[in-house]
Protein backbone atom coordinates (compact mmCIF):
# COMPACT_ATOMS: atom_id res chain seq x y z
CA MET A 1 -26.29 -27.99 -7.36
CA LEU A 2 -28.28 -24.79 -6.47
CA LEU A 3 -28.87 -26.01 -3.00
CA SER A 4 -25.40 -26.66 -2.63
CA PHE A 5 -24.38 -23.25 -3.67
CA LEU A 6 -26.87 -21.56 -1.32
CA THR A 7 -25.86 -23.74 1.63
CA ARG A 8 -22.36 -22.79 1.22
CA ILE A 9 -23.13 -18.91 0.89
CA LEU A 10 -25.51 -19.25 4.03
CA LYS A 11 -22.27 -20.75 5.87
CA GLU A 12 -19.98 -18.17 4.95
CA VAL A 13 -22.71 -15.72 6.29
CA SER A 14 -22.79 -17.60 9.45
CA LYS A 15 -19.00 -17.42 9.61
CA VAL A 16 -18.84 -13.71 9.52
CA ASP A 17 -21.71 -13.29 11.91
CA ASP A 18 -20.02 -15.57 14.41
CA ARG A 19 -17.08 -13.34 14.55
CA LYS A 20 -16.10 -11.69 17.83
CA ILE A 21 -14.81 -8.19 17.22
CA VAL A 22 -13.51 -5.57 19.88
CA HIS A 23 -12.69 -1.89 19.01
CA ILE A 24 -10.46 -0.45 21.59
CA ASP A 25 -10.15 3.38 21.47
CA MET A 26 -8.07 5.30 24.18
CA ASP A 27 -9.75 8.16 26.00
CA ALA A 28 -8.58 11.43 24.90
CA PHE A 29 -4.93 9.62 24.30
CA TYR A 30 -2.36 12.51 24.03
CA ALA A 31 -3.98 14.63 26.95
CA SER A 32 -4.16 11.45 29.04
CA ILE A 33 -0.22 10.77 28.80
CA GLU A 34 0.59 13.96 29.37
CA MET A 35 -1.85 14.37 32.69
CA ARG A 36 -0.47 10.68 33.57
CA ASP A 37 3.24 12.09 33.35
CA ASP A 38 2.31 15.51 35.21
CA PRO A 39 -0.92 15.09 37.62
CA LYS A 40 -1.37 18.93 37.95
CA LEU A 41 -2.74 19.24 34.54
CA ALA A 42 -5.37 16.91 35.25
CA SER A 43 -7.58 19.63 36.67
CA LEU A 44 -6.75 22.21 33.97
CA PRO A 45 -8.40 22.51 30.55
CA LEU A 46 -5.46 20.95 28.83
CA VAL A 47 -5.38 21.17 24.97
CA ILE A 48 -2.37 19.33 22.86
CA ALA A 49 -1.48 21.96 20.09
CA ARG A 50 0.72 24.85 20.37
CA ASP A 51 -0.11 27.89 22.18
CA PRO A 52 -1.62 30.38 19.55
CA ARG A 53 -0.39 33.02 21.70
CA LYS A 54 3.21 32.15 20.61
CA THR A 55 2.76 31.01 17.12
CA GLY A 56 0.82 34.13 15.47
CA GLY A 57 -2.64 32.21 15.95
CA HIS A 58 -1.34 29.23 13.83
CA GLY A 59 -1.70 25.53 14.87
CA VAL A 60 -4.12 22.93 15.06
CA VAL A 61 -5.64 21.15 18.30
CA ALA A 62 -4.54 17.23 18.10
CA THR A 63 -6.91 16.54 20.95
CA ALA A 64 -7.90 17.94 24.29
CA ASN A 65 -9.06 16.46 27.66
CA TYR A 66 -12.46 16.02 28.78
CA VAL A 67 -12.16 19.45 30.87
CA ALA A 68 -11.43 21.49 27.67
CA ARG A 69 -14.12 19.65 25.58
CA SER A 70 -16.73 20.53 28.13
CA TYR A 71 -15.84 24.13 26.87
CA GLY A 72 -16.57 22.79 23.17
CA VAL A 73 -12.72 22.05 22.48
CA HIS A 74 -12.11 19.17 20.24
CA SER A 75 -9.32 17.80 17.91
CA ALA A 76 -9.08 19.39 14.26
CA MET A 77 -9.95 22.52 15.16
CA SER A 78 -7.70 25.69 15.10
CA SER A 79 -5.73 26.48 18.29
CA GLN A 80 -6.96 30.24 17.99
CA GLU A 81 -10.86 28.87 17.93
CA ALA A 82 -9.94 26.64 21.07
CA LEU A 83 -8.38 29.67 22.94
CA LYS A 84 -11.63 32.03 22.14
CA LEU A 85 -13.83 28.93 23.39
CA CYS A 86 -11.84 28.48 26.43
CA PRO A 87 -9.52 31.26 27.14
CA GLN A 88 -7.96 29.69 30.27
CA ALA A 89 -6.97 26.63 28.33
CA TYR A 90 -3.41 25.32 29.05
CA PHE A 91 -1.62 24.43 25.80
CA LYS A 92 0.89 21.88 25.53
CA ASP A 93 2.94 21.04 22.62
CA PRO A 94 2.43 17.39 21.27
CA ASP A 95 5.32 14.85 21.47
CA PHE A 96 4.38 12.57 19.16
CA LYS A 97 7.61 10.38 19.88
CA LYS A 98 6.22 9.64 22.98
CA TYR A 99 2.90 8.99 22.14
CA ARG A 100 4.13 6.59 19.66
CA ALA A 101 6.13 4.72 22.32
CA VAL A 102 3.19 4.49 24.72
CA SER A 103 1.02 3.17 21.55
CA ASN A 104 3.67 0.34 21.05
CA GLN A 105 3.32 -0.59 24.72
CA ILE A 106 -0.37 -0.88 24.49
CA HIS A 107 -0.06 -2.89 20.97
CA GLU A 108 2.28 -5.43 22.94
CA ILE A 109 -0.68 -6.27 25.32
CA PHE A 110 -3.11 -6.74 22.36
CA HIS A 111 -0.46 -9.33 20.99
CA GLU A 112 -0.92 -11.19 24.33
CA TYR A 113 -4.79 -11.83 23.33
CA THR A 114 -4.41 -12.00 19.57
CA ASP A 115 -2.51 -11.17 16.51
CA TYR A 116 -5.45 -10.11 14.58
CA ILE A 117 -4.88 -6.64 14.95
CA GLU A 118 -5.74 -3.61 12.66
CA PRO A 119 -4.29 -0.45 13.79
CA ILE A 120 -6.16 2.75 13.03
CA ALA A 121 -4.04 5.26 14.99
CA PHE A 122 -1.93 5.46 17.56
CA ASP A 123 -5.06 5.60 20.00
CA GLU A 124 -7.39 2.95 18.53
CA ALA A 125 -7.39 -0.39 16.88
CA TYR A 126 -9.72 -3.62 15.90
CA LEU A 127 -9.19 -6.85 17.17
CA ASP A 128 -10.48 -10.10 16.04
CA ILE A 129 -10.61 -12.29 19.16
CA THR A 130 -12.75 -14.97 17.45
CA VAL A 131 -9.97 -17.08 18.26
CA ASN A 132 -7.75 -15.89 21.06
CA LYS A 133 -4.50 -16.87 22.50
CA LYS A 134 -5.75 -17.14 25.90
CA GLN A 135 -8.66 -19.30 24.63
CA LEU A 136 -11.52 -17.03 26.23
CA HIS A 137 -14.87 -17.95 24.78
CA SER A 138 -16.33 -14.76 26.25
CA ALA A 139 -15.44 -11.53 23.86
CA ILE A 140 -16.96 -9.44 26.81
CA GLN A 141 -14.60 -10.98 29.34
CA THR A 142 -11.64 -10.39 26.98
CA ALA A 143 -12.30 -6.72 26.26
CA ARG A 144 -12.61 -6.33 30.06
CA MET A 145 -9.34 -8.16 30.61
CA ILE A 146 -7.75 -5.80 27.84
CA GLN A 147 -9.14 -2.56 29.52
CA GLN A 148 -7.91 -3.71 32.57
CA GLU A 149 -4.66 -4.72 31.51
CA ILE A 150 -3.59 -1.37 30.00
CA PHE A 151 -4.63 0.72 32.82
CA SER A 152 -2.56 -1.67 34.89
CA LYS A 153 0.61 -1.67 32.90
CA VAL A 154 0.48 1.69 31.24
CA HIS A 155 -1.58 3.81 33.65
CA LEU A 156 -4.40 4.96 31.11
CA THR A 157 -8.00 4.18 30.25
CA CYS A 158 -9.60 3.30 26.83
CA SER A 159 -13.22 2.51 25.95
CA ALA A 160 -14.06 -0.59 24.05
CA GLY A 161 -16.93 -1.72 21.62
CA VAL A 162 -17.66 -5.74 21.32
CA SER A 163 -19.66 -6.65 18.35
CA TYR A 164 -19.99 -9.14 15.53
CA ASN A 165 -18.41 -6.67 12.93
CA LYS A 166 -16.17 -3.71 12.50
CA PHE A 167 -19.02 -1.22 11.83
CA LEU A 168 -20.77 -1.84 15.03
CA ALA A 169 -17.51 -2.45 17.33
CA LYS A 170 -16.34 1.11 16.06
CA LEU A 171 -19.78 2.78 17.01
CA ALA A 172 -20.08 0.65 20.20
CA SER A 173 -16.67 2.05 21.59
CA ASP A 174 -17.61 5.59 21.24
CA TYR A 175 -21.02 5.02 22.93
CA ARG A 176 -19.96 5.17 26.54
CA LYS A 177 -16.74 7.30 26.84
CA PRO A 178 -14.47 7.34 28.70
CA VAL A 179 -13.72 4.02 30.47
CA GLY A 180 -16.88 2.63 28.89
CA MET A 181 -17.82 -0.91 27.39
CA THR A 182 -20.64 -1.46 24.99
CA VAL A 183 -21.85 -5.03 23.52
CA VAL A 184 -24.00 -4.91 20.38
CA ARG A 185 -25.62 -8.52 19.87
CA GLN A 186 -27.13 -9.57 16.38
CA ASP A 187 -30.54 -9.63 18.14
CA GLU A 188 -29.88 -5.91 19.48
CA VAL A 189 -29.04 -4.12 16.51
CA HIS A 190 -32.18 -2.19 15.72
CA ASN A 191 -32.52 -0.89 19.48
CA PHE A 192 -29.00 0.16 19.00
CA LEU A 193 -28.76 1.74 15.42
CA PHE A 194 -32.38 3.16 15.39
CA PRO A 195 -31.93 5.95 18.02
CA LEU A 196 -28.54 7.09 16.78
CA PRO A 197 -28.20 10.52 14.99
CA ILE A 198 -27.45 10.01 11.42
CA GLU A 199 -23.96 12.14 12.07
CA LYS A 200 -22.78 9.09 14.13
CA PHE A 201 -22.85 6.74 11.37
CA ARG A 202 -19.42 6.26 9.77
CA GLY A 203 -19.74 7.73 6.03
CA VAL A 204 -21.88 10.27 6.52
CA GLY A 205 -19.84 13.77 6.55
CA LYS A 206 -20.44 17.22 7.10
CA LYS A 207 -21.41 17.52 3.49
CA THR A 208 -23.65 14.66 3.49
CA VAL A 209 -25.60 15.50 6.46
CA PRO A 210 -27.59 18.37 5.11
CA LYS A 211 -28.82 16.18 2.19
CA MET A 212 -29.80 13.30 4.78
CA HIS A 213 -32.04 15.87 6.62
CA GLN A 214 -33.47 17.27 3.01
CA LEU A 215 -34.65 13.66 2.46
CA GLY A 216 -36.33 13.48 6.38
CA ILE A 217 -32.96 11.05 7.55
CA PHE A 218 -32.18 12.44 11.19
CA THR A 219 -31.91 8.93 12.94
CA GLY A 220 -30.79 4.94 11.98
CA LYS A 221 -34.56 4.27 12.13
CA ASP A 222 -35.23 7.06 9.41
CA LEU A 223 -32.38 5.34 7.06
CA TYR A 224 -33.57 2.12 7.49
CA GLN A 225 -37.01 3.25 6.13
CA LEU A 226 -35.25 3.72 2.67
CA SER A 227 -34.76 1.15 0.21
CA SER A 228 -31.40 0.26 -1.26
CA GLY A 229 -32.18 1.56 -4.72
CA GLU A 230 -33.32 4.86 -3.30
CA LEU A 231 -29.98 5.47 -1.11
CA ILE A 232 -27.79 4.55 -4.15
CA SER A 233 -29.87 7.27 -6.18
CA HIS A 234 -29.03 9.81 -3.55
CA PHE A 235 -25.52 8.68 -2.61
CA GLY A 236 -24.14 6.22 -5.01
CA LYS A 237 -21.96 3.43 -3.68
CA MET A 238 -21.92 4.88 -0.21
CA GLY A 239 -25.69 4.79 -0.03
CA TYR A 240 -25.58 0.83 -0.63
CA VAL A 241 -22.84 0.74 2.12
CA LEU A 242 -25.18 2.82 4.22
CA TYR A 243 -28.26 0.44 3.30
CA GLN A 244 -26.22 -2.76 4.92
CA ARG A 245 -24.88 -0.83 7.63
CA VAL A 246 -27.80 0.00 9.32
CA ARG A 247 -28.94 -3.48 9.00
CA GLY A 248 -26.07 -4.67 10.81
CA VAL A 249 -24.28 -5.79 7.83
CA ASP A 250 -20.28 -5.22 7.76
CA GLU A 251 -18.19 -8.32 6.04
CA ARG A 252 -14.85 -6.47 6.39
CA PRO A 253 -12.16 -8.43 7.75
CA VAL A 254 -9.65 -7.11 10.57
CA GLU A 255 -6.72 -6.19 8.18
CA TRP A 256 -4.28 -7.57 10.26
CA LYS A 257 -1.72 -8.05 7.56
CA ARG A 258 -2.51 -4.60 5.89
CA ILE A 259 -0.24 -4.01 2.76
CA ARG A 260 1.24 -0.83 3.01
CA LYS A 261 0.11 1.44 -0.27
CA SER A 262 2.08 4.42 0.26
CA LEU A 263 5.00 5.63 2.06
CA GLY A 264 5.74 9.24 3.01
CA ASN A 265 5.67 12.06 5.50
CA GLU A 266 4.60 15.74 6.15
CA ARG A 267 5.01 18.76 8.32
CA THR A 268 2.58 21.55 9.34
CA PHE A 269 4.59 24.61 10.19
CA ASP A 270 3.97 27.17 12.82
CA GLN A 271 5.25 29.65 10.14
CA PRO A 272 4.48 29.28 6.87
CA LEU A 273 7.48 28.86 4.73
CA THR A 274 7.86 31.81 2.27
CA THR A 275 11.52 31.66 0.97
CA LEU A 276 13.24 29.43 -1.70
CA ALA A 277 15.87 28.41 0.70
CA SER A 278 13.37 27.18 3.42
CA VAL A 279 11.20 25.01 1.28
CA ASP A 280 14.61 23.37 -0.65
CA ASN A 281 15.77 22.71 3.07
CA PHE A 282 12.54 21.18 3.90
CA LEU A 283 12.31 19.38 0.77
CA LYS A 284 15.57 17.96 0.84
CA ARG A 285 14.93 16.51 4.65
CA SER A 286 11.52 15.16 3.58
CA ALA A 287 13.10 13.22 0.57
CA ASP A 288 15.92 11.83 2.89
CA ARG A 289 13.34 10.61 5.26
CA LEU A 290 11.35 9.05 2.14
CA SER A 291 14.22 7.49 1.08
CA LYS A 292 15.21 5.82 4.32
CA GLU A 293 11.78 4.68 4.73
CA VAL A 294 11.35 3.06 0.98
CA ALA A 295 14.66 1.16 1.82
CA LEU A 296 13.55 0.01 5.30
CA GLN A 297 10.12 -1.58 3.64
CA GLN A 298 11.91 -3.02 0.58
CA LYS A 299 9.74 -1.24 -1.77
CA HIS A 300 9.80 1.07 -4.82
CA GLY A 301 7.04 2.80 -6.59
CA LYS A 302 5.90 4.46 -9.51
CA THR A 303 4.10 7.74 -8.28
CA LEU A 304 5.30 10.37 -6.30
CA VAL A 305 2.59 12.65 -4.57
CA LEU A 306 3.39 16.21 -3.39
CA LYS A 307 0.89 17.68 -1.12
CA VAL A 308 0.61 21.56 -0.26
CA ARG A 309 -1.50 23.51 2.32
CA ASN A 310 -1.68 26.99 2.43
CA SER A 311 -2.38 29.93 5.02
CA ASP A 312 -5.93 29.76 4.12
CA PHE A 313 -6.07 26.06 4.57
CA GLU A 314 -6.53 25.34 1.05
CA THR A 315 -4.65 21.97 0.18
CA THR A 316 -3.54 20.95 -3.09
CA THR A 317 -1.94 17.63 -4.55
CA LYS A 318 0.20 17.17 -7.52
CA ARG A 319 1.51 13.71 -8.73
CA VAL A 320 3.88 12.33 -11.21
CA THR A 321 3.84 8.85 -12.50
CA LEU A 322 6.55 7.16 -14.10
CA ASP A 323 6.75 4.27 -16.86
CA ASP A 324 9.40 2.56 -14.36
CA PHE A 325 10.07 2.37 -10.77
CA PHE A 326 11.42 5.55 -9.15
CA PRO A 327 15.30 4.92 -8.24
CA ASN A 328 15.44 4.99 -4.68
CA ARG A 329 17.60 8.25 -4.29
CA SER A 330 16.94 11.18 -2.40
CA GLU A 331 18.11 13.59 -4.90
CA THR A 332 15.76 12.04 -7.28
CA PHE A 333 12.79 12.71 -4.75
CA GLN A 334 13.69 16.25 -4.28
CA PHE A 335 13.95 17.06 -7.94
CA TYR A 336 10.39 15.79 -8.50
CA GLY A 337 8.94 17.24 -5.47
CA LYS A 338 10.42 20.67 -6.76
CA GLN A 339 8.93 20.38 -10.38
CA LEU A 340 5.60 19.37 -8.88
CA LEU A 341 5.50 22.50 -6.10
CA ASP A 342 6.56 24.85 -8.94
CA GLN A 343 3.20 24.14 -10.89
CA ILE A 344 1.31 24.58 -7.30
CA GLN A 345 3.26 27.78 -6.10
CA PRO A 346 5.79 29.65 -8.15
CA ASN A 347 9.04 30.52 -6.58
CA GLU A 348 8.02 34.16 -5.87
CA HIS A 349 4.78 33.48 -3.99
CA TYR A 350 5.88 30.60 -1.48
CA ASP A 351 3.19 30.13 1.12
CA ILE A 352 3.29 26.87 2.63
CA ARG A 353 1.93 25.73 6.04
CA LEU A 354 1.85 21.90 5.36
CA LEU A 355 4.21 20.25 2.96
CA GLY A 356 4.78 16.67 2.28
CA LEU A 357 5.99 13.64 -0.06
CA THR A 358 4.60 10.27 -0.58
CA LEU A 359 5.32 7.52 -2.91
CA THR A 360 2.53 5.35 -3.97
CA ASN A 361 2.02 2.84 -6.55
CA LEU A 362 4.17 0.52 -4.59
CA ALA A 363 5.42 -2.58 -5.05
CA PRO A 364 7.92 -5.29 -3.41
CA LEU A 365 11.52 -4.69 -4.32
CA GLU A 366 12.19 -7.83 -5.77
CA PHE A 367 9.56 -7.26 -8.66
CA GLU A 368 11.93 -5.31 -10.95
CA ASN A 369 10.31 -3.11 -13.99
CA ILE A 370 13.38 -3.64 -16.32
CA ALA A 371 13.10 -2.00 -19.96
CA LEU A 372 14.54 -4.25 -22.29
CA PRO A 373 15.59 -3.04 -25.90
CA LEU A 374 13.45 -5.64 -27.55
CA TRP A 375 12.64 -3.28 -30.63
CA ASN A 376 14.65 -0.78 -32.41
CA ASN A 377 12.19 1.51 -32.94
CA ALA A 378 8.50 2.22 -32.35
CA SER A 379 7.52 0.66 -35.93
CA ASP A 380 8.63 -2.87 -34.78
CA ARG A 381 6.24 -2.65 -31.77
CA LEU A 382 2.96 -5.03 -32.26
CA THR A 383 -0.02 -3.31 -31.87
């Protein structure tokens, strides 16, 4: 019996290691779309963000082309900082409606090869091509064909990582950008991971890096020297994950039928909201959008979350959970959103740079929670 169990486990591990995973990452996606549509921008240091000279210094960089990146500009930095690094930068307001439409075109190409697609953002996705629609046996050939078809049909470039799991494919796609392809086979894991700076490992964030350095961990090879027990003692659950990753182990599947865990929307404002009227106006519009999305997805939820960020980039979230599901009414979402906001910022002290409403703890609409009057009073209830 034990032999049979071990044989089955080995077969399952073999299946995981036999997968062919491609990670496609578009090159400077938003900026590339703008340069495609206006070739004059290609030679300029293009930054996709609102011009801080027109917003009083507010705004965050969505992305930048490779000319701007050579000055140190990168996504998620403030527009003001980008301007300091590159005074000659050309700022262009993001057009997310256009970017979403282009992303949909790219996903149509993906679906020509496989339906096992896990989107990460508009500009990247995992594809499991172990069994693909074109019956191609070479993952490298498949990835190259996808790159060529995207360039031919959408006139944009992308980079591809090819491996047997998501962790390695993701690292590989970032290895030779732009217009690159990197393949990591099972017998190449150490050669690929050992020289990598520890900062390149997913899960090692800015707060973790100093602790890694204190422990003498600067590269993948350094990480490999520590036991699972040592890593767990220093980094908890993530320590064990890193112990596996540096050994090339990642059994996560491509989540091509990922269940939505939340529905919501948020917005960053160029100028902060400071008045009750402006706050109420946005909450109403946000609640309306949430109600329409909830109806479209045929869901309902028990938890409403409010996210607020102030001018100092301090982010706070508050939530309320009901015993029963929220009725899908815009007025209800707006009412509870306002109650949560009053706990964070009182009416007379509004300073809101970002505001969002999200419904979580979701379930399909057909599963109703109906409160039945089974007991006349609390003393009749079973304990």
